[in-house]
Amino acid sequence: MSALSCTEDLFSNLLCCEDSEILSRDSPECSSAFETSADIEESIALFIEGERKYVPGVSSARKSQSESVDQAARQASVAWILKVQRYYGFQPLTAYLSVNYMDRFLNCHSLPEQTNGWPMQLLSTACLSLAAKMEEPMVPSLLDLQVEGAKFLFEPKTIRRMEFLVLGVLDWRLRSITPFTFLSFFAYKLDSAGTFNDFLISRATDIILLNMQEASFLEYWPSCIAAATILCAANDIPNFSYINAGHAELWCEGLRKESIVSCYRLVQGIGENTRLRKRSKASPQIRVMKRASKVSFGDSESSSSSAASSYKRRRLNNSLWVHDDLETSEQGAC
C-alpha cells in the first residue's frame, strides 16, 4: 500500500459520515465562496430582524441614566472589562459581549445594595469569563482573569455559581447579534472596491469600544450602531466624507435614517466630551506635580503602607446571594 493511500485512509477515519452536501451547506468556510450578494443581504436582513432579542432594551438605558450610582458602577465595570481585554489581547467582540451579558442581566435582575460594590464586580467577572469562553481560543483561569485593579478576589467556585445565574437569566442565549456582525458588510457597501475596508472596520471597532461606557448606547440596535460608527470612520477618509445617514439607510432593509443620525450624533458628542476632559485634566496635573515637589516626605512610610492596604483585594467567597439566586433563577429569567 502506497504512502498516499495510507494517508487517505487515515484521514478518512477521522471524518464523520455526514453527506458532503450537508457539510458544504453548513460550514461557513465551504459556503462563503459560493454565496451570492443576494444571499448575504438576506442573511443581514435576518440578523436585523432578530437583533432585538439580544439587546437590553431602552428601559435599561433609562434606568441607568436615572440612577447615578448604578451608572457609575456600570461605567467602572465596563472600564475594568476593557482593561482586561487589552491586558490579555482579547478580541473586541469579547469585551462587547461581556458588557452585553451584564446589561441584559441587569435589565432583568437587581443586585443587592449596600455591599461596597462586590456584586457588580462579581457579575462583570462572570460575564467576561462567559464571553471569553465563547470567543477566545485560550482563556485564562478564573483567578488569573481578576487582574487590572480588581478590588475583590473571588474563588473560582463563586464565579462559576454566578455564571450559572447569568446563564439562567439570559436563558442561555449567549451567541448574540452585535455591531460586529454588520461591520464588514457595511464597510463593503461603503467601499465596494475594498480599498479602505480594513481601515473602516478597525476605526469603527475602536469607536464602539470607546462608547460602551455610555448607557445611552443601549438605546440603539446593533445594526444602527454599526452603520453610525462606519459613517464616523468614513469621516477620516476624504473620498467618503460626503456619505451621510441617507446613504447608509439604503445599505440594507431595516435600517432607519433617524436612528442612524441620532446614534451618529451621540457618538460624535461623546468623542468631543472625551477630548475636552483630557484637556481639562492635563493642566491641573502639571500644577499638582509642581506643588508636590515642595511637600515634605517625612511620613512617606506610613502613607505608602496605607496606600498598599487600600489596594489590597478582599476575598469574597460562597456568596449567599448567589446561592439563593441560583435557586430562583428560572423564575426570574427573561
C-alpha atoms as a PDB file:
ATOM      1  CA  MET A   1       0.000   0.000   0.000  1.00  0.00           C
ATOM      2  CA  SER A   2       1.439   3.377  -1.004  1.00  0.00           C
ATOM      3  CA  ALA A   3       2.106   6.156   1.497  1.00  0.00           C
ATOM      4  CA  LEU A   4      -0.521   8.299  -0.224  1.00  0.00           C
ATOM      5  CA  SER A   5      -3.256   5.695   0.142  1.00  0.00           C
ATOM      6  CA  CYS A   6      -2.326   5.172   3.806  1.00  0.00           C
ATOM      7  CA  THR A   7      -2.664   8.883   4.404  1.00  0.00           C
ATOM      8  CA  GLU A   8      -6.046   8.962   2.678  1.00  0.00           C
ATOM      9  CA  ASP A   9      -7.276   6.051   4.809  1.00  0.00           C
ATOM     10  CA  LEU A  10      -6.010   7.752   7.949  1.00  0.00           C
ATOM     11  CA  PHE A  11      -7.861  10.984   7.266  1.00  0.00           C
ATOM     12  CA  SER A  12     -10.996   9.175   6.105  1.00  0.00           C
ATOM     13  CA  ASN A  13     -11.198   7.516   9.519  1.00  0.00           C
ATOM     14  CA  LEU A  14     -11.227  10.954  11.153  1.00  0.00           C
ATOM     15  CA  LEU A  15     -14.253  12.093   9.200  1.00  0.00           C
ATOM     16  CA  CYS A  16     -17.843  11.585  10.301  1.00  0.00           C
ATOM     17  CA  CYS A  17     -20.296  10.011   7.916  1.00  0.00           C
ATOM     18  CA  GLU A  18     -22.230  13.174   7.074  1.00  0.00           C
ATOM     19  CA  ASP A  19     -23.194  13.693   3.483  1.00  0.00           C
ATOM     20  CA  SER A  20     -20.806  16.027   1.651  1.00  0.00           C
ATOM     21  CA  GLU A  21     -23.721  18.216   0.616  1.00  0.00           C
ATOM     22  CA  ILE A  22     -24.630  18.779   4.268  1.00  0.00           C
ATOM     23  CA  LEU A  23     -21.046  19.674   5.146  1.00  0.00           C
ATOM     24  CA  SER A  24     -20.795  22.189   2.325  1.00  0.00           C
ATOM     25  CA  ARG A  25     -24.094  23.774   3.253  1.00  0.00           C
ATOM     26  CA  ASP A  26     -23.455  24.120   7.000  1.00  0.00           C
ATOM     27  CA  SER A  27     -19.779  25.041   7.028  1.00  0.00           C
ATOM     28  CA  PRO A  28     -19.131  28.800   6.675  1.00  0.00           C
ATOM     29  CA  GLU A  29     -15.701  28.075   5.215  1.00  0.00           C
ATOM     30  CA  CYS A  30     -17.208  25.993   2.439  1.00  0.00           C
ATOM     31  CA  SER A  31     -20.307  28.040   1.720  1.00  0.00           C
ATOM     32  CA  SER A  32     -18.900  31.586   1.835  1.00  0.00           C
ATOM     33  CA  ALA A  33     -17.172  31.265  -1.528  1.00  0.00           C
ATOM     34  CA  PHE A  34     -20.446  30.367  -3.266  1.00  0.00           C
ATOM     35  CA  GLU A  35     -22.725  32.886  -1.552  1.00  0.00           C
ATOM     36  CA  THR A  36     -24.197  35.494  -3.844  1.00  0.00           C
ATOM     37  CA  SER A  37     -24.750  39.115  -2.959  1.00  0.00           C
ATOM     38  CA  ALA A  38     -28.457  38.406  -2.587  1.00  0.00           C
ATOM     39  CA  ASP A  39     -27.750  35.594  -0.111  1.00  0.00           C
ATOM     40  CA  ILE A  40     -25.560  37.852   2.008  1.00  0.00           C
ATOM     41  CA  GLU A  41     -28.124  40.650   2.037  1.00  0.00           C
ATOM     42  CA  GLU A  42     -30.804  38.165   3.010  1.00  0.00           C
ATOM     43  CA  SER A  43     -28.651  36.969   5.924  1.00  0.00           C
ATOM     44  CA  ILE A  44     -28.045  40.543   7.071  1.00  0.00           C
ATOM     45  CA  ALA A  45     -31.779  41.241   6.886  1.00  0.00           C
ATOM     46  CA  LEU A  46     -32.407  38.211   9.101  1.00  0.00           C
ATOM     47  CA  PHE A  47     -29.821  39.462  11.586  1.00  0.00           C
ATOM     48  CA  ILE A  48     -31.544  42.850  11.704  1.00  0.00           C
ATOM     49  CA  GLU A  49     -34.893  41.150  12.243  1.00  0.00           C
ATOM     50  CA  GLY A  50     -33.566  39.096  15.170  1.00  0.00           C
ATOM     51  CA  GLU A  51     -31.174  41.555  16.792  1.00  0.00           C
ATOM     52  CA  ARG A  52     -33.722  42.949  19.250  1.00  0.00           C
ATOM     53  CA  LYS A  53     -33.690  39.625  21.097  1.00  0.00           C
ATOM     54  CA  TYR A  54     -30.103  40.249  22.209  1.00  0.00           C
ATOM     55  CA  VAL A  55     -30.183  43.840  23.447  1.00  0.00           C
ATOM     56  CA  PRO A  56     -31.067  45.004  26.976  1.00  0.00           C
ATOM     57  CA  GLY A  57     -33.755  47.407  25.786  1.00  0.00           C
ATOM     58  CA  VAL A  58     -34.429  51.097  26.229  1.00  0.00           C
ATOM     59  CA  SER A  59     -35.772  50.569  29.757  1.00  0.00           C
ATOM     60  CA  SER A  60     -32.315  49.510  30.905  1.00  0.00           C
ATOM     61  CA  ALA A  61     -30.749  52.666  29.488  1.00  0.00           C
ATOM     62  CA  ARG A  62     -33.374  54.852  31.159  1.00  0.00           C
ATOM     63  CA  LYS A  63     -32.787  53.059  34.458  1.00  0.00           C
ATOM     64  CA  SER A  64     -29.025  53.505  34.248  1.00  0.00           C
ATOM     65  CA  GLN A  65     -29.382  57.186  33.403  1.00  0.00           C
ATOM     66  CA  SER A  66     -31.825  57.862  36.229  1.00  0.00           C
ATOM     67  CA  GLU A  67     -29.771  56.152  38.940  1.00  0.00           C
ATOM     68  CA  SER A  68     -26.382  57.826  39.216  1.00  0.00           C
ATOM     69  CA  VAL A  69     -24.923  55.126  41.487  1.00  0.00           C
ATOM     70  CA  ASP A  70     -25.839  52.352  39.070  1.00  0.00           C
ATOM     71  CA  GLN A  71     -24.484  54.366  36.157  1.00  0.00           C
ATOM     72  CA  ALA A  72     -21.177  54.997  37.910  1.00  0.00           C
ATOM     73  CA  ALA A  73     -20.880  51.325  38.861  1.00  0.00           C
ATOM     74  CA  ARG A  74     -21.628  50.273  35.301  1.00  0.00           C
ATOM     75  CA  GLN A  75     -19.033  52.651  33.882  1.00  0.00           C
ATOM     76  CA  ALA A  76     -16.429  51.328  36.306  1.00  0.00           C
ATOM     77  CA  SER A  77     -17.265  47.736  35.353  1.00  0.00           C
ATOM     78  CA  VAL A  78     -17.065  48.451  31.623  1.00  0.00           C
ATOM     79  CA  ALA A  79     -13.740  50.243  32.130  1.00  0.00           C
ATOM     80  CA  TRP A  80     -12.385  47.223  34.007  1.00  0.00           C
ATOM     81  CA  ILE A  81     -13.579  44.816  31.286  1.00  0.00           C
ATOM     82  CA  LEU A  82     -11.802  46.893  28.652  1.00  0.00           C
ATOM     83  CA  LYS A  83      -8.605  46.900  30.725  1.00  0.00           C
ATOM     84  CA  VAL A  84      -8.639  43.114  30.982  1.00  0.00           C
ATOM     85  CA  GLN A  85      -9.430  42.841  27.275  1.00  0.00           C
ATOM     86  CA  ARG A  86      -6.326  44.872  26.447  1.00  0.00           C
ATOM     87  CA  TYR A  87      -4.229  43.065  29.082  1.00  0.00           C
ATOM     88  CA  TYR A  88      -4.858  39.626  27.566  1.00  0.00           C
ATOM     89  CA  GLY A  89      -5.292  40.743  23.961  1.00  0.00           C
ATOM     90  CA  PHE A  90      -8.881  39.512  23.755  1.00  0.00           C
ATOM     91  CA  GLN A  91     -10.929  40.261  20.669  1.00  0.00           C
ATOM     92  CA  PRO A  92     -13.085  43.418  20.756  1.00  0.00           C
ATOM     93  CA  LEU A  93     -16.111  41.139  20.389  1.00  0.00           C
ATOM     94  CA  THR A  94     -15.264  39.501  23.721  1.00  0.00           C
ATOM     95  CA  ALA A  95     -15.374  42.828  25.527  1.00  0.00           C
ATOM     96  CA  TYR A  96     -18.623  43.811  23.807  1.00  0.00           C
ATOM     97  CA  LEU A  97     -20.299  40.506  24.654  1.00  0.00           C
ATOM     98  CA  SER A  98     -19.214  40.858  28.289  1.00  0.00           C
ATOM     99  CA  VAL A  99     -20.975  44.213  28.543  1.00  0.00           C
ATOM    100  CA  ASN A 100     -23.949  42.864  26.590  1.00  0.00           C
ATOM    101  CA  TYR A 101     -24.395  39.979  29.048  1.00  0.00           C
ATOM    102  CA  MET A 102     -24.020  42.331  32.001  1.00  0.00           C
ATOM    103  CA  ASP A 103     -26.585  44.829  30.693  1.00  0.00           C
ATOM    104  CA  ARG A 104     -29.095  42.143  29.771  1.00  0.00           C
ATOM    105  CA  PHE A 105     -28.726  40.602  33.215  1.00  0.00           C
ATOM    106  CA  LEU A 106     -29.252  43.956  34.954  1.00  0.00           C
ATOM    107  CA  ASN A 107     -32.307  44.589  32.814  1.00  0.00           C
ATOM    108  CA  CYS A 108     -33.961  41.502  34.318  1.00  0.00           C
ATOM    109  CA  HIS A 109     -32.326  41.211  37.727  1.00  0.00           C
ATOM    110  CA  SER A 110     -31.403  43.596  40.550  1.00  0.00           C
ATOM    111  CA  LEU A 111     -28.177  43.435  42.517  1.00  0.00           C
ATOM    112  CA  PRO A 112     -28.065  43.720  46.323  1.00  0.00           C
ATOM    113  CA  GLU A 113     -27.495  47.239  47.633  1.00  0.00           C
ATOM    114  CA  GLN A 114     -25.176  48.479  50.391  1.00  0.00           C
ATOM    115  CA  THR A 115     -22.484  45.934  49.542  1.00  0.00           C
ATOM    116  CA  ASN A 116     -19.409  48.080  48.735  1.00  0.00           C
ATOM    117  CA  GLY A 117     -19.702  47.138  45.089  1.00  0.00           C
ATOM    118  CA  TRP A 118     -18.667  43.482  45.177  1.00  0.00           C
ATOM    119  CA  PRO A 119     -21.833  42.115  43.451  1.00  0.00           C
ATOM    120  CA  MET A 120     -21.180  44.305  40.412  1.00  0.00           C
ATOM    121  CA  GLN A 121     -17.589  43.124  40.193  1.00  0.00           C
ATOM    122  CA  LEU A 122     -18.660  39.508  40.586  1.00  0.00           C
ATOM    123  CA  LEU A 123     -21.196  39.988  37.788  1.00  0.00           C
ATOM    124  CA  SER A 124     -18.694  41.649  35.445  1.00  0.00           C
ATOM    125  CA  THR A 125     -16.126  38.915  36.156  1.00  0.00           C
ATOM    126  CA  ALA A 126     -18.654  36.166  35.381  1.00  0.00           C
ATOM    127  CA  CYS A 127     -19.803  37.909  32.193  1.00  0.00           C
ATOM    128  CA  LEU A 128     -16.231  38.408  30.997  1.00  0.00           C
ATOM    129  CA  SER A 129     -15.469  34.753  31.715  1.00  0.00           C
ATOM    130  CA  LEU A 130     -18.506  33.595  29.722  1.00  0.00           C
ATOM    131  CA  ALA A 131     -17.679  35.865  26.796  1.00  0.00           C
ATOM    132  CA  ALA A 132     -14.055  34.691  26.755  1.00  0.00           C
ATOM    133  CA  LYS A 133     -15.191  31.069  26.708  1.00  0.00           C
ATOM    134  CA  MET A 134     -17.429  31.877  23.744  1.00  0.00           C
ATOM    135  CA  GLU A 135     -14.864  33.721  21.631  1.00  0.00           C
ATOM    136  CA  GLU A 136     -11.278  33.140  22.750  1.00  0.00           C
ATOM    137  CA  PRO A 137      -9.143  30.095  21.830  1.00  0.00           C
ATOM    138  CA  MET A 138      -7.139  30.468  25.058  1.00  0.00           C
ATOM    139  CA  VAL A 139      -8.925  31.526  28.257  1.00  0.00           C
ATOM    140  CA  PRO A 140      -7.097  32.434  31.496  1.00  0.00           C
ATOM    141  CA  SER A 141      -8.071  30.733  34.728  1.00  0.00           C
ATOM    142  CA  LEU A 142     -10.766  32.416  36.791  1.00  0.00           C
ATOM    143  CA  LEU A 143      -8.158  33.601  39.276  1.00  0.00           C
ATOM    144  CA  ASP A 144      -5.891  34.985  36.551  1.00  0.00           C
ATOM    145  CA  LEU A 145      -8.846  36.782  34.999  1.00  0.00           C
ATOM    146  CA  GLN A 146      -9.147  39.019  38.068  1.00  0.00           C
ATOM    147  CA  VAL A 147      -6.399  41.496  37.175  1.00  0.00           C
ATOM    148  CA  GLU A 148      -6.079  45.184  36.332  1.00  0.00           C
ATOM    149  CA  GLY A 149      -7.241  46.722  39.584  1.00  0.00           C
ATOM    150  CA  ALA A 150      -9.927  44.258  40.652  1.00  0.00           C
ATOM    151  CA  LYS A 151     -10.907  45.335  44.183  1.00  0.00           C
ATOM    152  CA  PHE A 152     -12.204  41.954  45.323  1.00  0.00           C
ATOM    153  CA  LEU A 153     -10.858  38.471  44.700  1.00  0.00           C
ATOM    154  CA  PHE A 154     -13.425  35.695  44.228  1.00  0.00           C
ATOM    155  CA  GLU A 155     -12.834  31.969  44.366  1.00  0.00           C
ATOM    156  CA  PRO A 156     -13.476  30.068  41.118  1.00  0.00           C
ATOM    157  CA  LYS A 157     -16.455  28.195  42.584  1.00  0.00           C
ATOM    158  CA  THR A 158     -18.114  31.525  43.462  1.00  0.00           C
ATOM    159  CA  ILE A 159     -17.631  32.840  39.921  1.00  0.00           C
ATOM    160  CA  ARG A 160     -18.976  29.593  38.446  1.00  0.00           C
ATOM    161  CA  ARG A 161     -22.154  29.904  40.509  1.00  0.00           C
ATOM    162  CA  MET A 162     -22.541  33.449  39.225  1.00  0.00           C
ATOM    163  CA  GLU A 163     -22.006  32.227  35.673  1.00  0.00           C
ATOM    164  CA  PHE A 164     -24.876  29.764  36.072  1.00  0.00           C
ATOM    165  CA  LEU A 165     -27.068  32.535  37.471  1.00  0.00           C
ATOM    166  CA  VAL A 166     -26.282  34.720  34.443  1.00  0.00           C
ATOM    167  CA  LEU A 167     -26.939  31.817  32.068  1.00  0.00           C
ATOM    168  CA  GLY A 168     -30.296  31.193  33.694  1.00  0.00           C
ATOM    169  CA  VAL A 169     -31.371  34.834  33.490  1.00  0.00           C
ATOM    170  CA  LEU A 170     -30.244  35.083  29.849  1.00  0.00           C
ATOM    171  CA  ASP A 171     -31.928  31.773  29.030  1.00  0.00           C
ATOM    172  CA  TRP A 172     -28.528  30.524  27.779  1.00  0.00           C
ATOM    173  CA  ARG A 173     -28.686  32.880  24.775  1.00  0.00           C
ATOM    174  CA  LEU A 174     -25.007  33.850  24.552  1.00  0.00           C
ATOM    175  CA  ARG A 175     -24.498  33.819  20.787  1.00  0.00           C
ATOM    176  CA  SER A 176     -25.623  37.437  20.446  1.00  0.00           C
ATOM    177  CA  ILE A 177     -26.004  39.637  17.409  1.00  0.00           C
ATOM    178  CA  THR A 178     -23.656  42.592  17.837  1.00  0.00           C
ATOM    179  CA  PRO A 179     -22.483  45.586  15.774  1.00  0.00           C
ATOM    180  CA  PHE A 180     -19.505  43.460  14.696  1.00  0.00           C
ATOM    181  CA  THR A 181     -21.976  41.232  12.842  1.00  0.00           C
ATOM    182  CA  PHE A 182     -22.608  44.072  10.375  1.00  0.00           C
ATOM    183  CA  LEU A 183     -19.301  45.977  10.134  1.00  0.00           C
ATOM    184  CA  SER A 184     -17.764  44.044   7.244  1.00  0.00           C
ATOM    185  CA  PHE A 185     -20.967  44.202   5.205  1.00  0.00           C
ATOM    186  CA  PHE A 186     -21.467  47.934   5.750  1.00  0.00           C
ATOM    187  CA  ALA A 187     -17.794  48.657   5.006  1.00  0.00           C
ATOM    188  CA  TYR A 188     -18.197  46.825   1.699  1.00  0.00           C
ATOM    189  CA  LYS A 189     -21.377  48.762   0.944  1.00  0.00           C
ATOM    190  CA  LEU A 190     -19.470  51.995   1.503  1.00  0.00           C
ATOM    191  CA  ASP A 191     -16.320  50.917  -0.350  1.00  0.00           C
ATOM    192  CA  SER A 192     -17.125  48.131  -2.796  1.00  0.00           C
ATOM    193  CA  ALA A 193     -13.589  48.265  -4.184  1.00  0.00           C
ATOM    194  CA  GLY A 194     -12.274  47.195  -0.781  1.00  0.00           C
ATOM    195  CA  THR A 195      -9.508  49.798  -0.690  1.00  0.00           C
ATOM    196  CA  PHE A 196     -10.370  51.150   2.754  1.00  0.00           C
ATOM    197  CA  ASN A 197     -12.376  48.261   4.205  1.00  0.00           C
ATOM    198  CA  ASP A 198      -9.784  47.262   6.782  1.00  0.00           C
ATOM    199  CA  PHE A 199      -9.405  50.840   7.978  1.00  0.00           C
ATOM    200  CA  LEU A 200     -13.174  51.372   8.200  1.00  0.00           C
ATOM    201  CA  ILE A 201     -13.698  48.200  10.229  1.00  0.00           C
ATOM    202  CA  SER A 202     -10.756  48.895  12.535  1.00  0.00           C
ATOM    203  CA  ARG A 203     -11.769  52.521  13.154  1.00  0.00           C
ATOM    204  CA  ALA A 204     -15.423  51.626  13.705  1.00  0.00           C
ATOM    205  CA  THR A 205     -14.358  48.926  16.169  1.00  0.00           C
ATOM    206  CA  ASP A 206     -12.343  51.461  18.155  1.00  0.00           C
ATOM    207  CA  ILE A 207     -15.313  53.837  18.225  1.00  0.00           C
ATOM    208  CA  ILE A 208     -17.625  51.111  19.512  1.00  0.00           C
ATOM    209  CA  LEU A 209     -15.255  50.199  22.351  1.00  0.00           C
ATOM    210  CA  LEU A 210     -14.792  53.868  23.286  1.00  0.00           C
ATOM    211  CA  ASN A 211     -18.546  54.365  23.594  1.00  0.00           C
ATOM    212  CA  MET A 212     -19.515  51.238  25.531  1.00  0.00           C
ATOM    213  CA  GLN A 213     -19.335  53.052  28.873  1.00  0.00           C
ATOM    214  CA  GLU A 214     -22.190  55.329  27.805  1.00  0.00           C
ATOM    215  CA  ALA A 215     -25.573  53.931  28.840  1.00  0.00           C
ATOM    216  CA  SER A 216     -27.337  55.823  26.026  1.00  0.00           C
ATOM    217  CA  PHE A 217     -25.581  53.478  23.636  1.00  0.00           C
ATOM    218  CA  LEU A 218     -28.122  50.848  24.744  1.00  0.00           C
ATOM    219  CA  GLU A 219     -30.943  52.680  23.017  1.00  0.00           C
ATOM    220  CA  TYR A 220     -29.763  51.658  19.552  1.00  0.00           C
ATOM    221  CA  TRP A 221     -29.880  48.321  17.764  1.00  0.00           C
ATOM    222  CA  PRO A 222     -26.522  46.754  16.841  1.00  0.00           C
ATOM    223  CA  SER A 223     -27.133  47.393  13.125  1.00  0.00           C
ATOM    224  CA  CYS A 224     -27.701  51.084  13.834  1.00  0.00           C
ATOM    225  CA  ILE A 225     -24.517  51.285  15.929  1.00  0.00           C
ATOM    226  CA  ALA A 226     -22.569  49.583  13.144  1.00  0.00           C
ATOM    227  CA  ALA A 227     -23.902  51.974  10.477  1.00  0.00           C
ATOM    228  CA  ALA A 228     -23.262  55.062  12.618  1.00  0.00           C
ATOM    229  CA  THR A 229     -19.708  54.043  13.523  1.00  0.00           C
ATOM    230  CA  ILE A 230     -18.867  53.196   9.902  1.00  0.00           C
ATOM    231  CA  LEU A 231     -20.053  56.701   8.978  1.00  0.00           C
ATOM    232  CA  CYS A 232     -17.849  58.162  11.713  1.00  0.00           C
ATOM    233  CA  ALA A 233     -14.904  56.175  10.392  1.00  0.00           C
ATOM    234  CA  ALA A 234     -15.635  57.399   6.859  1.00  0.00           C
ATOM    235  CA  ASN A 235     -15.162  60.991   8.045  1.00  0.00           C
ATOM    236  CA  ASP A 236     -11.418  60.294   8.254  1.00  0.00           C
ATOM    237  CA  ILE A 237     -11.301  59.423   4.543  1.00  0.00           C
ATOM    238  CA  PRO A 238     -11.694  62.439   2.215  1.00  0.00           C
ATOM    239  CA  ASN A 239     -13.184  60.333  -0.564  1.00  0.00           C
ATOM    240  CA  PHE A 240     -16.116  59.293   1.637  1.00  0.00           C
ATOM    241  CA  SER A 241     -16.683  62.401   3.754  1.00  0.00           C
ATOM    242  CA  TYR A 242     -19.842  63.191   1.764  1.00  0.00           C
ATOM    243  CA  ILE A 243     -21.540  59.927   2.815  1.00  0.00           C
ATOM    244  CA  ASN A 244     -24.427  60.505   5.236  1.00  0.00           C
ATOM    245  CA  ALA A 245     -27.204  58.610   7.001  1.00  0.00           C
ATOM    246  CA  GLY A 246     -29.387  58.868   3.916  1.00  0.00           C
ATOM    247  CA  HIS A 247     -26.889  56.752   2.019  1.00  0.00           C
ATOM    248  CA  ALA A 248     -26.481  54.347   4.937  1.00  0.00           C
ATOM    249  CA  GLU A 249     -30.229  53.715   5.108  1.00  0.00           C
ATOM    250  CA  LEU A 250     -30.010  52.130   1.666  1.00  0.00           C
ATOM    251  CA  TRP A 251     -27.332  49.640   2.666  1.00  0.00           C
ATOM    252  CA  CYS A 252     -29.886  47.124   3.892  1.00  0.00           C
ATOM    253  CA  GLU A 253     -33.582  46.802   4.562  1.00  0.00           C
ATOM    254  CA  GLY A 254     -34.425  47.528   8.196  1.00  0.00           C
ATOM    255  CA  LEU A 255     -32.090  50.472   8.759  1.00  0.00           C
ATOM    256  CA  ARG A 256     -33.691  53.783   9.743  1.00  0.00           C
ATOM    257  CA  LYS A 257     -32.177  57.146   8.850  1.00  0.00           C
ATOM    258  CA  GLU A 258     -33.436  58.879  12.005  1.00  0.00           C
ATOM    259  CA  SER A 259     -31.904  56.275  14.309  1.00  0.00           C
ATOM    260  CA  ILE A 260     -28.594  56.336  12.467  1.00  0.00           C
ATOM    261  CA  VAL A 261     -28.443  60.144  12.674  1.00  0.00           C
ATOM    262  CA  SER A 262     -29.254  60.086  16.395  1.00  0.00           C
ATOM    263  CA  CYS A 263     -26.620  57.440  17.142  1.00  0.00           C
ATOM    264  CA  TYR A 264     -24.079  59.242  14.970  1.00  0.00           C
ATOM    265  CA  ARG A 265     -24.595  62.493  16.860  1.00  0.00           C
ATOM    266  CA  LEU A 266     -24.325  60.699  20.192  1.00  0.00           C
ATOM    267  CA  VAL A 267     -21.014  59.127  19.205  1.00  0.00           C
ATOM    268  CA  GLN A 268     -19.692  62.455  17.956  1.00  0.00           C
ATOM    269  CA  GLY A 269     -20.775  64.182  21.170  1.00  0.00           C
ATOM    270  CA  ILE A 270     -19.163  61.541  23.388  1.00  0.00           C
ATOM    271  CA  GLY A 271     -15.930  61.846  21.426  1.00  0.00           C
ATOM    272  CA  GLU A 272     -15.905  65.613  21.841  1.00  0.00           C
ATOM    273  CA  ASN A 273     -16.608  65.383  25.582  1.00  0.00           C
ATOM    274  CA  THR A 274     -13.782  62.870  25.967  1.00  0.00           C
ATOM    275  CA  ARG A 275     -11.345  65.222  24.263  1.00  0.00           C
ATOM    276  CA  LEU A 276     -12.448  68.123  26.473  1.00  0.00           C
ATOM    277  CA  ARG A 277     -11.996  66.053  29.648  1.00  0.00           C
ATOM    278  CA  LYS A 278      -8.481  65.090  28.597  1.00  0.00           C
ATOM    279  CA  ARG A 279      -7.593  68.738  28.021  1.00  0.00           C
ATOM    280  CA  SER A 280      -9.051  69.826  31.370  1.00  0.00           C
ATOM    281  CA  LYS A 281      -7.073  67.166  33.252  1.00  0.00           C
ATOM    282  CA  ALA A 282      -3.747  67.997  31.616  1.00  0.00           C
ATOM    283  CA  SER A 283      -3.045  71.488  33.044  1.00  0.00           C
ATOM    284  CA  PRO A 284      -4.090  70.845  36.701  1.00  0.00           C
ATOM    285  CA  GLN A 285      -1.868  67.769  36.716  1.00  0.00           C
ATOM    286  CA  ILE A 286       1.167  69.919  35.924  1.00  0.00           C
ATOM    287  CA  ARG A 287       0.357  72.332  38.764  1.00  0.00           C
ATOM    288  CA  VAL A 288      -0.150  69.481  41.215  1.00  0.00           C
ATOM    289  CA  MET A 289       3.233  67.992  40.298  1.00  0.00           C
ATOM    290  CA  LYS A 290       4.924  71.352  40.918  1.00  0.00           C
ATOM    291  CA  ARG A 291       3.307  71.699  44.340  1.00  0.00           C
ATOM    292  CA  ALA A 292       4.119  68.110  45.242  1.00  0.00           C
ATOM    293  CA  SER A 293       7.831  68.773  44.751  1.00  0.00           C
ATOM    294  CA  LYS A 294       7.733  71.205  47.696  1.00  0.00           C
ATOM    295  CA  VAL A 295       5.979  68.841  50.107  1.00  0.00           C
ATOM    296  CA  SER A 296       7.979  67.139  52.873  1.00  0.00           C
ATOM    297  CA  PHE A 297       8.109  63.330  52.700  1.00  0.00           C
ATOM    298  CA  GLY A 298       8.647  62.735  56.394  1.00  0.00           C
ATOM    299  CA  ASP A 299       5.558  60.485  56.575  1.00  0.00           C
ATOM    300  CA  SER A 300       6.308  58.573  53.403  1.00  0.00           C
ATOM    301  CA  GLU A 301       6.492  55.216  55.175  1.00  0.00           C
ATOM    302  CA  SER A 302       3.063  55.494  56.763  1.00  0.00           C
ATOM    303  CA  SER A 303       1.494  56.871  53.592  1.00  0.00           C
ATOM    304  CA  SER A 304       2.912  54.036  51.478  1.00  0.00           C
ATOM    305  CA  SER A 305       1.603  51.417  53.887  1.00  0.00           C
ATOM    306  CA  SER A 306      -1.882  52.936  53.838  1.00  0.00           C
ATOM    307  CA  ALA A 307      -1.807  53.057  50.036  1.00  0.00           C
ATOM    308  CA  ALA A 308      -0.819  49.403  49.915  1.00  0.00           C
ATOM    309  CA  SER A 309      -3.653  48.452  52.219  1.00  0.00           C
ATOM    310  CA  SER A 310      -6.153  50.422  50.128  1.00  0.00           C
ATOM    311  CA  TYR A 311      -5.233  48.360  47.077  1.00  0.00           C
ATOM    312  CA  LYS A 312      -5.386  45.047  48.898  1.00  0.00           C
ATOM    313  CA  ARG A 313      -8.155  42.949  47.397  1.00  0.00           C
ATOM    314  CA  ARG A 314     -10.722  41.349  49.637  1.00  0.00           C
ATOM    315  CA  ARG A 315     -11.699  37.717  49.224  1.00  0.00           C
ATOM    316  CA  LEU A 316     -15.436  37.141  48.964  1.00  0.00           C
ATOM    317  CA  ASN A 317     -16.415  33.513  48.670  1.00  0.00           C
ATOM    318  CA  ASN A 318     -19.522  31.354  48.965  1.00  0.00           C
ATOM    319  CA  SER A 319     -21.850  34.300  48.478  1.00  0.00           C
ATOM    320  CA  LEU A 320     -25.268  33.541  49.949  1.00  0.00           C
ATOM    321  CA  TRP A 321     -26.803  35.980  47.487  1.00  0.00           C
ATOM    322  CA  VAL A 322     -25.511  33.985  44.519  1.00  0.00           C
ATOM    323  CA  HIS A 323     -26.567  30.699  46.142  1.00  0.00           C
ATOM    324  CA  ASP A 324     -30.104  31.940  46.800  1.00  0.00           C
ATOM    325  CA  ASP A 325     -30.480  33.427  43.331  1.00  0.00           C
ATOM    326  CA  LEU A 326     -29.389  30.197  41.678  1.00  0.00           C
ATOM    327  CA  GLU A 327     -32.429  28.517  43.190  1.00  0.00           C
ATOM    328  CA  THR A 328     -34.769  31.182  41.814  1.00  0.00           C
ATOM    329  CA  SER A 329     -33.041  31.992  38.519  1.00  0.00           C
ATOM    330  CA  GLU A 330     -35.534  30.005  36.481  1.00  0.00           C
ATOM    331  CA  GLN A 331     -38.365  32.126  37.838  1.00  0.00           C
ATOM    332  CA  GLY A 332     -36.527  35.378  37.138  1.00  0.00           C
ATOM    333  CA  ALA A 333     -35.272  34.535  33.639  1.00  0.00           C
ATOM    334  CA  CYS A 334     -36.457  36.797  30.841  1.00  0.00           C
END
